[in-house]
Structures are given as C-alpha cells and as structure tokens.
Amino acid sequence: MELAAAALIAVLCGAVLKKGVPELALVLTLGAGAVMLAALSDELWSLWEGLRSLARSAGLETGLLGPVVRAVAIAAVTRVAAEVCRDAGEGGLASLLELGGTVLILLTAIPLMELVLEGIGGIL
C-alpha cells in the first residue's frame, strides 16, 4: 500500500511540475522510482531466498536459477526505463532500449539453452 501511495503522490506532483518545469517532473519520477525500489529491497531479497529454497526442494541446481532471475530483472528494468524514455518524449530511444534488453535476455539465456540441448542430446 505504501508503494501505491508513494506512486500516486509522485504522479500528482509530477503532473503539476510537468506544466511548469517538465525536466524537474522527470527527475521527480526517477527519484520516486529509486525510493520505491529501495523500499522493496527486503522483499526482493526474500523472493530470491524463496526461489533458491524452491529450487533446492525440487532438486534443481541453484546455479540454474541465476540466469532466469537475471533475465526477469533485465526485462523489468528495461520496461521501466523504456517507459521513462517514452514519458520524456523519446519513443525511438525507448524502442532501441527494448531491443537492447531483448538481446541481453537472450545472452543471459544461453547457458540454459546449452543445458537443454545437452539434456536432449543425452536422451537421444
């Protein structure tokens, strides 16, 4: 609930600032996002520990979890950054950022793809 309240306050303040000083509205948005992310740090750590525990319970190597979590984190950061770019009127830059995020996700997934192909090769 606190995150929703902080977001609404930032949006209202940003709407007022956008009319007079649009650059400051963008800085407010970025600052609010950083504060909200910092507020989630404990929950993010708990999520990571929970996922590791689930992987161990399922008999999976916890090393396999890293690339998946990195890919999700890249997707989330890319999406937020692209929306900030769009909000600043830079749609082209946002599209290029999304393309870059996709490339990074694919690079991150290569170790998982290698394991899948090794598993398929072992079955055949």
C-alpha atoms as a PDB file:
ATOM      1  CA  MET A   1       0.000   0.000   0.000  1.00  0.00           C
ATOM      2  CA  GLU A   2       2.841   2.357   0.796  1.00  0.00           C
ATOM      3  CA  LEU A   3       4.242   1.909  -2.705  1.00  0.00           C
ATOM      4  CA  ALA A   4       0.897   2.755  -4.267  1.00  0.00           C
ATOM      5  CA  ALA A   5       0.589   5.862  -2.091  1.00  0.00           C
ATOM      6  CA  ALA A   6       4.116   6.971  -2.967  1.00  0.00           C
ATOM      7  CA  ALA A   7       3.432   6.417  -6.664  1.00  0.00           C
ATOM      8  CA  LEU A   8       0.193   8.418  -6.539  1.00  0.00           C
ATOM      9  CA  ILE A   9       1.878  11.294  -4.710  1.00  0.00           C
ATOM     10  CA  ALA A  10       4.730  11.294  -7.250  1.00  0.00           C
ATOM     11  CA  VAL A  11       2.256  11.244 -10.139  1.00  0.00           C
ATOM     12  CA  LEU A  12       0.261  14.150  -8.729  1.00  0.00           C
ATOM     13  CA  CYS A  13       3.376  16.211  -8.033  1.00  0.00           C
ATOM     14  CA  GLY A  14       4.749  15.293 -11.449  1.00  0.00           C
ATOM     15  CA  ALA A  15       1.555  16.405 -13.171  1.00  0.00           C
ATOM     16  CA  VAL A  16       1.802  19.808 -11.500  1.00  0.00           C
ATOM     17  CA  LEU A  17       5.506  20.139 -12.287  1.00  0.00           C
ATOM     18  CA  LYS A  18       5.089  18.953 -15.877  1.00  0.00           C
ATOM     19  CA  LYS A  19       3.093  22.085 -16.704  1.00  0.00           C
ATOM     20  CA  GLY A  20       5.800  24.446 -15.486  1.00  0.00           C
ATOM     21  CA  VAL A  21       9.123  22.592 -15.398  1.00  0.00           C
ATOM     22  CA  PRO A  22       8.888  19.286 -17.316  1.00  0.00           C
ATOM     23  CA  GLU A  23      12.556  18.460 -16.698  1.00  0.00           C
ATOM     24  CA  LEU A  24      12.006  18.559 -12.953  1.00  0.00           C
ATOM     25  CA  ALA A  25       8.979  16.288 -13.327  1.00  0.00           C
ATOM     26  CA  LEU A  26      11.219  13.679 -14.963  1.00  0.00           C
ATOM     27  CA  VAL A  27      13.758  13.974 -12.135  1.00  0.00           C
ATOM     28  CA  LEU A  28      10.918  13.553  -9.617  1.00  0.00           C
ATOM     29  CA  THR A  29       9.764  10.413 -11.429  1.00  0.00           C
ATOM     30  CA  LEU A  30      13.243   8.909 -11.426  1.00  0.00           C
ATOM     31  CA  GLY A  31      13.765   9.781  -7.768  1.00  0.00           C
ATOM     32  CA  ALA A  32      10.421   8.321  -6.754  1.00  0.00           C
ATOM     33  CA  GLY A  33      11.251   5.146  -8.661  1.00  0.00           C
ATOM     34  CA  ALA A  34      14.603   4.827  -6.896  1.00  0.00           C
ATOM     35  CA  VAL A  35      12.992   5.325  -3.480  1.00  0.00           C
ATOM     36  CA  MET A  36      10.296   2.763  -4.276  1.00  0.00           C
ATOM     37  CA  LEU A  37      12.873   0.230  -5.443  1.00  0.00           C
ATOM     38  CA  ALA A  38      14.906   0.774  -2.278  1.00  0.00           C
ATOM     39  CA  ALA A  39      11.750   0.215  -0.233  1.00  0.00           C
ATOM     40  CA  LEU A  40      11.354  -3.161  -1.943  1.00  0.00           C
ATOM     41  CA  SER A  41      14.900  -4.344  -1.246  1.00  0.00           C
ATOM     42  CA  ASP A  42      13.967  -6.593   1.700  1.00  0.00           C
ATOM     43  CA  GLU A  43      11.094  -8.149  -0.246  1.00  0.00           C
ATOM     44  CA  LEU A  44      13.320  -8.735  -3.267  1.00  0.00           C
ATOM     45  CA  TRP A  45      15.878 -10.491  -1.079  1.00  0.00           C
ATOM     46  CA  SER A  46      13.120 -12.635   0.464  1.00  0.00           C
ATOM     47  CA  LEU A  47      11.905 -13.516  -3.027  1.00  0.00           C
ATOM     48  CA  TRP A  48      15.423 -14.565  -4.050  1.00  0.00           C
ATOM     49  CA  GLU A  49      15.804 -16.744  -0.953  1.00  0.00           C
ATOM     50  CA  GLY A  50      12.369 -18.280  -1.529  1.00  0.00           C
ATOM     51  CA  LEU A  51      13.207 -19.141  -5.124  1.00  0.00           C
ATOM     52  CA  ARG A  52      16.507 -20.703  -4.052  1.00  0.00           C
ATOM     53  CA  SER A  53      14.675 -22.770  -1.454  1.00  0.00           C
ATOM     54  CA  LEU A  54      12.141 -23.948  -4.040  1.00  0.00           C
ATOM     55  CA  ALA A  55      14.921 -24.880  -6.457  1.00  0.00           C
ATOM     56  CA  ARG A  56      16.693 -26.914  -3.764  1.00  0.00           C
ATOM     57  CA  SER A  57      13.426 -28.621  -2.811  1.00  0.00           C
ATOM     58  CA  ALA A  58      12.847 -29.563  -6.448  1.00  0.00           C
ATOM     59  CA  GLY A  59      16.372 -30.953  -6.710  1.00  0.00           C
ATOM     60  CA  LEU A  60      17.479 -28.300  -9.187  1.00  0.00           C
ATOM     61  CA  GLU A  61      20.877 -26.721  -9.129  1.00  0.00           C
ATOM     62  CA  THR A  62      20.589 -23.216  -7.700  1.00  0.00           C
ATOM     63  CA  GLY A  63      23.017 -22.119 -10.414  1.00  0.00           C
ATOM     64  CA  LEU A  64      20.217 -22.601 -12.939  1.00  0.00           C
ATOM     65  CA  LEU A  65      18.118 -20.079 -11.095  1.00  0.00           C
ATOM     66  CA  GLY A  66      20.560 -17.208 -11.619  1.00  0.00           C
ATOM     67  CA  PRO A  67      20.069 -16.800 -15.374  1.00  0.00           C
ATOM     68  CA  VAL A  68      16.289 -16.939 -15.016  1.00  0.00           C
ATOM     69  CA  VAL A  69      16.259 -14.283 -12.299  1.00  0.00           C
ATOM     70  CA  ARG A  70      18.715 -12.127 -14.282  1.00  0.00           C
ATOM     71  CA  ALA A  71      16.503 -12.362 -17.366  1.00  0.00           C
ATOM     72  CA  VAL A  72      13.433 -11.294 -15.386  1.00  0.00           C
ATOM     73  CA  ALA A  73      15.384  -8.430 -13.799  1.00  0.00           C
ATOM     74  CA  ILE A  74      16.642  -7.268 -17.210  1.00  0.00           C
ATOM     75  CA  ALA A  75      13.087  -7.344 -18.548  1.00  0.00           C
ATOM     76  CA  ALA A  76      11.739  -5.352 -15.592  1.00  0.00           C
ATOM     77  CA  VAL A  77      14.481  -2.710 -15.684  1.00  0.00           C
ATOM     78  CA  THR A  78      14.209  -2.413 -19.462  1.00  0.00           C
ATOM     79  CA  ARG A  79      10.454  -1.931 -19.293  1.00  0.00           C
ATOM     80  CA  VAL A  80      10.653   0.755 -16.608  1.00  0.00           C
ATOM     81  CA  ALA A  81      13.494   2.580 -18.367  1.00  0.00           C
ATOM     82  CA  ALA A  82      11.650   2.433 -21.700  1.00  0.00           C
ATOM     83  CA  GLU A  83       8.520   3.903 -20.110  1.00  0.00           C
ATOM     84  CA  VAL A  84      10.579   6.735 -18.626  1.00  0.00           C
ATOM     85  CA  CYS A  85      12.031   7.388 -22.090  1.00  0.00           C
ATOM     86  CA  ARG A  86       8.541   7.432 -23.598  1.00  0.00           C
ATOM     87  CA  ASP A  87       7.339   9.757 -20.853  1.00  0.00           C
ATOM     88  CA  ALA A  88      10.192  12.091 -21.772  1.00  0.00           C
ATOM     89  CA  GLY A  89       9.060  12.011 -25.421  1.00  0.00           C
ATOM     90  CA  GLU A  90      11.846   9.713 -26.616  1.00  0.00           C
ATOM     91  CA  GLY A  91       9.883   6.847 -28.179  1.00  0.00           C
ATOM     92  CA  GLY A  92      12.692   5.909 -30.568  1.00  0.00           C
ATOM     93  CA  LEU A  93      15.179   5.620 -27.744  1.00  0.00           C
ATOM     94  CA  ALA A  94      12.666   3.528 -25.783  1.00  0.00           C
ATOM     95  CA  SER A  95      12.338   1.112 -28.708  1.00  0.00           C
ATOM     96  CA  LEU A  96      16.112   0.764 -29.008  1.00  0.00           C
ATOM     97  CA  LEU A  97      16.348   0.193 -25.268  1.00  0.00           C
ATOM     98  CA  GLU A  98      13.777  -2.601 -25.534  1.00  0.00           C
ATOM     99  CA  LEU A  99      15.759  -4.170 -28.368  1.00  0.00           C
ATOM    100  CA  GLY A 100      18.908  -3.993 -26.240  1.00  0.00           C
ATOM    101  CA  GLY A 101      17.077  -5.588 -23.316  1.00  0.00           C
ATOM    102  CA  THR A 102      15.908  -8.419 -25.559  1.00  0.00           C
ATOM    103  CA  VAL A 103      19.464  -9.060 -26.741  1.00  0.00           C
ATOM    104  CA  LEU A 104      20.729  -9.103 -23.139  1.00  0.00           C
ATOM    105  CA  ILE A 105      17.989 -11.532 -22.120  1.00  0.00           C
ATOM    106  CA  LEU A 106      18.905 -13.869 -24.965  1.00  0.00           C
ATOM    107  CA  LEU A 107      22.575 -13.694 -23.983  1.00  0.00           C
ATOM    108  CA  THR A 108      21.629 -14.457 -20.393  1.00  0.00           C
ATOM    109  CA  ALA A 109      19.584 -17.460 -21.533  1.00  0.00           C
ATOM    110  CA  ILE A 110      22.419 -19.096 -23.496  1.00  0.00           C
ATOM    111  CA  PRO A 111      23.627 -21.234 -20.528  1.00  0.00           C
ATOM    112  CA  LEU A 112      20.081 -22.523 -20.036  1.00  0.00           C
ATOM    113  CA  MET A 113      19.726 -23.295 -23.744  1.00  0.00           C
ATOM    114  CA  GLU A 114      23.022 -25.201 -23.635  1.00  0.00           C
ATOM    115  CA  LEU A 115      21.772 -27.306 -20.711  1.00  0.00           C
ATOM    116  CA  VAL A 116      18.514 -28.074 -22.511  1.00  0.00           C
ATOM    117  CA  LEU A 117      20.383 -29.116 -25.658  1.00  0.00           C
ATOM    118  CA  GLU A 118      22.743 -31.299 -23.608  1.00  0.00           C
ATOM    119  CA  GLY A 119      19.721 -32.919 -21.970  1.00  0.00           C
ATOM    120  CA  ILE A 120      18.103 -33.574 -25.327  1.00  0.00           C
ATOM    121  CA  GLY A 121      21.395 -34.972 -26.649  1.00  0.00           C
ATOM    122  CA  GLY A 122      21.619 -37.277 -23.640  1.00  0.00           C
ATOM    123  CA  ILE A 123      18.119 -38.626 -24.303  1.00  0.00           C
ATOM    124  CA  LEU A 124      18.848 -39.315 -27.975  1.00  0.00           C
END
